[in-house]
Amino acid sequence: MRLLLMSDTHLPKRARELPAPLLAELAQADVVFHAGDWVDTATLDLLEARCRRLVGVYGNNDGPDLRARLPEVAYADLGGVRFGVIHETGPRQGREQRCAARFPDLDVLVFGHSHIPWDTTAPTGLRLLNPGSPTDRRAQPHCTYMTATVAEGLLSDVELHRLPPRPRR
């Protein structure tokens, strides 16, 4: 099962549209995760129309329309791997311990908010993944997203994809 992970799309404030390489990945993905800060409902509508399965949450920049359609925390059991999705996890210091305590029954937690890619494992075995942002790199060198695979009850092939710089507005 192929997974596509994204967060912090911030459309149309940070970009006019999702990058073409990310849109191309939608057709390959069995499940798409979005860890919040969509900003517009058009992006949610687009992903709902194009994705086989979408697991998404709202973020701190998402208004009432998105909050009415998305939860703060979402869960999915995919091929025996227990996933959770949330936008904010707090400061980087102590993140693994804090998230492991809050989500003791998960194998993987997908999160966003910082726009900083993150891939660590808590002492409990909880894997924490932040795909960064495909539209707003902030202090990072590239805009990013992640892909991964679930097979035989295991998460594998986690890959951070760097997007090419987009033309200036």
C-alpha atoms as a PDB file:
ATOM      1  CA  MET A   1       0.000   0.000   0.000  1.00  0.00           C
ATOM      2  CA  ARG A   2       1.525   3.307  -1.103  1.00  0.00           C
ATOM      3  CA  LEU A   3       1.147   6.354   1.141  1.00  0.00           C
ATOM      4  CA  LEU A   4       1.505  10.056   0.377  1.00  0.00           C
ATOM      5  CA  LEU A   5       2.059  12.436   3.304  1.00  0.00           C
ATOM      6  CA  MET A   6       1.693  16.216   3.163  1.00  0.00           C
ATOM      7  CA  SER A   7       0.948  19.113   5.455  1.00  0.00           C
ATOM      8  CA  ASP A   8       0.800  22.883   5.584  1.00  0.00           C
ATOM      9  CA  THR A   9      -0.333  23.534   2.025  1.00  0.00           C
ATOM     10  CA  HIS A  10      -1.577  27.050   2.934  1.00  0.00           C
ATOM     11  CA  LEU A  11      -3.375  27.595  -0.381  1.00  0.00           C
ATOM     12  CA  PRO A  12      -3.807  30.126  -1.874  1.00  0.00           C
ATOM     13  CA  LYS A  13      -1.722  32.206   0.562  1.00  0.00           C
ATOM     14  CA  ARG A  14       1.662  30.493   0.079  1.00  0.00           C
ATOM     15  CA  ALA A  15       1.150  29.195  -3.466  1.00  0.00           C
ATOM     16  CA  ARG A  16      -1.572  29.322  -6.103  1.00  0.00           C
ATOM     17  CA  GLU A  17      -1.819  25.550  -6.445  1.00  0.00           C
ATOM     18  CA  LEU A  18      -0.274  22.291  -5.337  1.00  0.00           C
ATOM     19  CA  PRO A  19       2.984  21.497  -7.165  1.00  0.00           C
ATOM     20  CA  ALA A  20       2.683  19.248 -10.237  1.00  0.00           C
ATOM     21  CA  PRO A  21       4.986  16.501  -8.859  1.00  0.00           C
ATOM     22  CA  LEU A  22       2.806  16.240  -5.753  1.00  0.00           C
ATOM     23  CA  LEU A  23      -0.381  16.115  -7.822  1.00  0.00           C
ATOM     24  CA  ALA A  24       1.161  13.341  -9.943  1.00  0.00           C
ATOM     25  CA  GLU A  25       1.760  11.322  -6.761  1.00  0.00           C
ATOM     26  CA  LEU A  26      -1.966  11.354  -5.970  1.00  0.00           C
ATOM     27  CA  ALA A  27      -2.657   8.806  -8.692  1.00  0.00           C
ATOM     28  CA  GLN A  28      -0.035   6.445  -7.255  1.00  0.00           C
ATOM     29  CA  ALA A  29      -1.179   6.671  -3.628  1.00  0.00           C
ATOM     30  CA  ASP A  30      -3.589   4.281  -2.003  1.00  0.00           C
ATOM     31  CA  VAL A  31      -3.902   6.593   1.004  1.00  0.00           C
ATOM     32  CA  VAL A  32      -3.125  10.310   1.297  1.00  0.00           C
ATOM     33  CA  PHE A  33      -2.466  11.975   4.652  1.00  0.00           C
ATOM     34  CA  HIS A  34      -2.797  15.731   5.157  1.00  0.00           C
ATOM     35  CA  ALA A  35      -1.719  17.015   8.583  1.00  0.00           C
ATOM     36  CA  GLY A  36      -3.559  20.337   8.512  1.00  0.00           C
ATOM     37  CA  ASP A  37      -3.236  23.993   7.560  1.00  0.00           C
ATOM     38  CA  TRP A  38      -5.064  23.604   4.286  1.00  0.00           C
ATOM     39  CA  VAL A  39      -6.363  27.199   4.587  1.00  0.00           C
ATOM     40  CA  ASP A  40      -8.855  26.826   1.710  1.00  0.00           C
ATOM     41  CA  THR A  41     -11.655  24.320   1.206  1.00  0.00           C
ATOM     42  CA  ALA A  42     -10.815  24.018  -2.504  1.00  0.00           C
ATOM     43  CA  THR A  43      -7.712  21.973  -1.640  1.00  0.00           C
ATOM     44  CA  LEU A  44      -9.774  19.619   0.518  1.00  0.00           C
ATOM     45  CA  ASP A  45     -12.325  19.293  -2.309  1.00  0.00           C
ATOM     46  CA  LEU A  46      -9.533  18.541  -4.794  1.00  0.00           C
ATOM     47  CA  LEU A  47      -7.978  15.837  -2.629  1.00  0.00           C
ATOM     48  CA  GLU A  48     -11.337  14.271  -1.800  1.00  0.00           C
ATOM     49  CA  ALA A  49     -12.087  14.067  -5.537  1.00  0.00           C
ATOM     50  CA  ARG A  50      -8.694  12.645  -6.564  1.00  0.00           C
ATOM     51  CA  CYS A  51      -7.669  10.412  -3.665  1.00  0.00           C
ATOM     52  CA  ARG A  52      -8.671   6.808  -3.183  1.00  0.00           C
ATOM     53  CA  ARG A  53      -8.620   7.458   0.563  1.00  0.00           C
ATOM     54  CA  LEU A  54      -7.870  10.698   2.386  1.00  0.00           C
ATOM     55  CA  VAL A  55      -6.986  10.951   6.076  1.00  0.00           C
ATOM     56  CA  GLY A  56      -6.829  14.596   7.103  1.00  0.00           C
ATOM     57  CA  VAL A  57      -7.100  16.957  10.044  1.00  0.00           C
ATOM     58  CA  TYR A  58      -7.497  20.694  10.487  1.00  0.00           C
ATOM     59  CA  GLY A  59      -4.658  22.962  11.570  1.00  0.00           C
ATOM     60  CA  ASN A  60      -4.362  26.210  13.473  1.00  0.00           C
ATOM     61  CA  ASN A  61      -4.778  28.292  10.276  1.00  0.00           C
ATOM     62  CA  ASP A  62      -7.942  26.485   9.169  1.00  0.00           C
ATOM     63  CA  GLY A  63     -11.243  28.286   9.604  1.00  0.00           C
ATOM     64  CA  PRO A  64     -14.744  27.119  10.502  1.00  0.00           C
ATOM     65  CA  ASP A  65     -15.508  25.607   7.072  1.00  0.00           C
ATOM     66  CA  LEU A  66     -12.542  23.207   7.297  1.00  0.00           C
ATOM     67  CA  ARG A  67     -13.050  22.526  10.993  1.00  0.00           C
ATOM     68  CA  ALA A  68     -16.639  21.498  10.248  1.00  0.00           C
ATOM     69  CA  ARG A  69     -15.374  18.876   7.770  1.00  0.00           C
ATOM     70  CA  LEU A  70     -12.191  17.612   9.454  1.00  0.00           C
ATOM     71  CA  PRO A  71     -11.274  16.348  12.923  1.00  0.00           C
ATOM     72  CA  GLU A  72      -8.452  17.640  15.122  1.00  0.00           C
ATOM     73  CA  VAL A  73      -7.011  14.111  15.293  1.00  0.00           C
ATOM     74  CA  ALA A  74      -7.635  11.306  12.790  1.00  0.00           C
ATOM     75  CA  TYR A  75      -6.857   7.598  13.008  1.00  0.00           C
ATOM     76  CA  ALA A  76      -6.437   4.846  10.419  1.00  0.00           C
ATOM     77  CA  ASP A  77      -5.416   1.207  10.643  1.00  0.00           C
ATOM     78  CA  LEU A  78      -3.683   0.387   7.372  1.00  0.00           C
ATOM     79  CA  GLY A  79      -2.490  -3.143   6.806  1.00  0.00           C
ATOM     80  CA  GLY A  80      -1.981  -3.672  10.517  1.00  0.00           C
ATOM     81  CA  VAL A  81      -0.099  -0.390  11.065  1.00  0.00           C
ATOM     82  CA  ARG A  82      -1.925   2.019  13.400  1.00  0.00           C
ATOM     83  CA  PHE A  83      -1.656   5.642  12.210  1.00  0.00           C
ATOM     84  CA  GLY A  84      -2.664   8.896  13.812  1.00  0.00           C
ATOM     85  CA  VAL A  85      -2.655  12.369  12.264  1.00  0.00           C
ATOM     86  CA  ILE A  86      -2.525  15.669  14.137  1.00  0.00           C
ATOM     87  CA  HIS A  87      -1.393  19.146  13.190  1.00  0.00           C
ATOM     88  CA  GLU A  88       0.524  20.349  16.241  1.00  0.00           C
ATOM     89  CA  THR A  89       2.745  18.343  18.591  1.00  0.00           C
ATOM     90  CA  GLY A  90       4.353  21.195  20.536  1.00  0.00           C
ATOM     91  CA  PRO A  91       8.041  22.104  20.777  1.00  0.00           C
ATOM     92  CA  ARG A  92      10.679  19.828  19.275  1.00  0.00           C
ATOM     93  CA  GLN A  93      12.274  19.338  22.721  1.00  0.00           C
ATOM     94  CA  GLY A  94      10.600  16.296  24.281  1.00  0.00           C
ATOM     95  CA  ARG A  95       8.371  15.634  21.249  1.00  0.00           C
ATOM     96  CA  GLU A  96       8.992  11.867  21.136  1.00  0.00           C
ATOM     97  CA  GLN A  97       8.193  11.324  24.818  1.00  0.00           C
ATOM     98  CA  ARG A  98       5.187  13.664  24.751  1.00  0.00           C
ATOM     99  CA  CYS A  99       3.645  12.031  21.682  1.00  0.00           C
ATOM    100  CA  ALA A 100       4.360   8.491  22.897  1.00  0.00           C
ATOM    101  CA  ALA A 101       2.537   9.306  26.146  1.00  0.00           C
ATOM    102  CA  ARG A 102      -0.424  10.890  24.345  1.00  0.00           C
ATOM    103  CA  PHE A 103      -0.711   8.210  21.632  1.00  0.00           C
ATOM    104  CA  PRO A 104       0.343   4.921  23.273  1.00  0.00           C
ATOM    105  CA  ASP A 105      -1.677   2.761  20.859  1.00  0.00           C
ATOM    106  CA  LEU A 106      -0.187   4.136  17.622  1.00  0.00           C
ATOM    107  CA  ASP A 107       2.652   2.863  15.474  1.00  0.00           C
ATOM    108  CA  VAL A 108       3.006   6.062  13.409  1.00  0.00           C
ATOM    109  CA  LEU A 109       2.047   9.685  14.078  1.00  0.00           C
ATOM    110  CA  VAL A 110       1.921  12.062  11.090  1.00  0.00           C
ATOM    111  CA  PHE A 111       2.059  15.737  12.066  1.00  0.00           C
ATOM    112  CA  GLY A 112       2.702  19.176  10.616  1.00  0.00           C
ATOM    113  CA  HIS A 113       2.762  22.796  11.776  1.00  0.00           C
ATOM    114  CA  SER A 114       6.518  23.500  11.759  1.00  0.00           C
ATOM    115  CA  HIS A 115       7.077  23.021   7.993  1.00  0.00           C
ATOM    116  CA  ILE A 116      10.253  21.186   9.061  1.00  0.00           C
ATOM    117  CA  PRO A 117      10.574  17.579   7.863  1.00  0.00           C
ATOM    118  CA  TRP A 118      10.905  15.177  10.774  1.00  0.00           C
ATOM    119  CA  ASP A 119      11.458  11.422  11.010  1.00  0.00           C
ATOM    120  CA  THR A 120      12.237   9.999  14.427  1.00  0.00           C
ATOM    121  CA  THR A 121      11.210   7.076  16.585  1.00  0.00           C
ATOM    122  CA  ALA A 122      10.271   7.379  20.251  1.00  0.00           C
ATOM    123  CA  PRO A 123      11.724   4.880  22.745  1.00  0.00           C
ATOM    124  CA  THR A 124       8.304   3.161  22.735  1.00  0.00           C
ATOM    125  CA  GLY A 125       8.607   2.507  18.988  1.00  0.00           C
ATOM    126  CA  LEU A 126       6.207   5.269  17.882  1.00  0.00           C
ATOM    127  CA  ARG A 127       7.430   6.668  14.549  1.00  0.00           C
ATOM    128  CA  LEU A 128       6.917  10.421  14.146  1.00  0.00           C
ATOM    129  CA  LEU A 129       6.737  11.806  10.607  1.00  0.00           C
ATOM    130  CA  ASN A 130       6.389  15.414   9.484  1.00  0.00           C
ATOM    131  CA  PRO A 131       6.446  15.745   5.682  1.00  0.00           C
ATOM    132  CA  GLY A 132       7.245  19.479   5.796  1.00  0.00           C
ATOM    133  CA  SER A 133       5.334  21.683   3.368  1.00  0.00           C
ATOM    134  CA  PRO A 134       5.013  21.355  -0.425  1.00  0.00           C
ATOM    135  CA  THR A 135       4.286  25.085  -0.787  1.00  0.00           C
ATOM    136  CA  ASP A 136       5.988  27.002   2.035  1.00  0.00           C
ATOM    137  CA  ARG A 137       9.558  25.984   2.835  1.00  0.00           C
ATOM    138  CA  ARG A 138      10.047  28.706   5.467  1.00  0.00           C
ATOM    139  CA  ALA A 139      13.682  28.363   6.617  1.00  0.00           C
ATOM    140  CA  GLN A 140      14.145  25.002   4.898  1.00  0.00           C
ATOM    141  CA  PRO A 141      16.131  24.646   1.671  1.00  0.00           C
ATOM    142  CA  HIS A 142      13.240  22.951  -0.179  1.00  0.00           C
ATOM    143  CA  CYS A 143       9.500  22.460  -0.137  1.00  0.00           C
ATOM    144  CA  THR A 144       8.830  18.801   0.676  1.00  0.00           C
ATOM    145  CA  TYR A 145       6.414  15.902   1.030  1.00  0.00           C
ATOM    146  CA  MET A 146       6.834  12.217   1.932  1.00  0.00           C
ATOM    147  CA  THR A 147       5.912   8.845   0.530  1.00  0.00           C
ATOM    148  CA  ALA A 148       5.983   5.481   2.280  1.00  0.00           C
ATOM    149  CA  THR A 149       4.822   1.903   1.932  1.00  0.00           C
ATOM    150  CA  VAL A 150       2.849  -0.373   4.232  1.00  0.00           C
ATOM    151  CA  ALA A 151       3.270  -4.086   3.615  1.00  0.00           C
ATOM    152  CA  GLU A 152       2.902  -7.119   5.855  1.00  0.00           C
ATOM    153  CA  GLY A 153       2.161  -4.979   8.902  1.00  0.00           C
ATOM    154  CA  LEU A 154       5.259  -2.805   8.512  1.00  0.00           C
ATOM    155  CA  LEU A 155       5.940   0.761   7.449  1.00  0.00           C
ATOM    156  CA  SER A 156       8.860   0.956   5.007  1.00  0.00           C
ATOM    157  CA  ASP A 157      10.383   2.984   2.195  1.00  0.00           C
ATOM    158  CA  VAL A 158       9.782   6.315   3.974  1.00  0.00           C
ATOM    159  CA  GLU A 159      11.150   8.907   1.574  1.00  0.00           C
ATOM    160  CA  LEU A 160      11.340  12.675   1.812  1.00  0.00           C
ATOM    161  CA  HIS A 161      10.820  14.290  -1.600  1.00  0.00           C
ATOM    162  CA  ARG A 162      12.285  17.704  -2.334  1.00  0.00           C
ATOM    163  CA  LEU A 163      10.350  19.826  -4.775  1.00  0.00           C
ATOM    164  CA  PRO A 164      12.038  22.086  -7.315  1.00  0.00           C
ATOM    165  CA  PRO A 165      11.855  25.816  -6.606  1.00  0.00           C
ATOM    166  CA  ARG A 166       8.690  27.332  -7.979  1.00  0.00           C
ATOM    167  CA  PRO A 167       8.632  30.530 -10.007  1.00  0.00           C
ATOM    168  CA  ARG A 168       8.175  33.744  -8.042  1.00  0.00           C
ATOM    169  CA  ARG A 169       4.716  35.283  -8.067  1.00  0.00           C
END
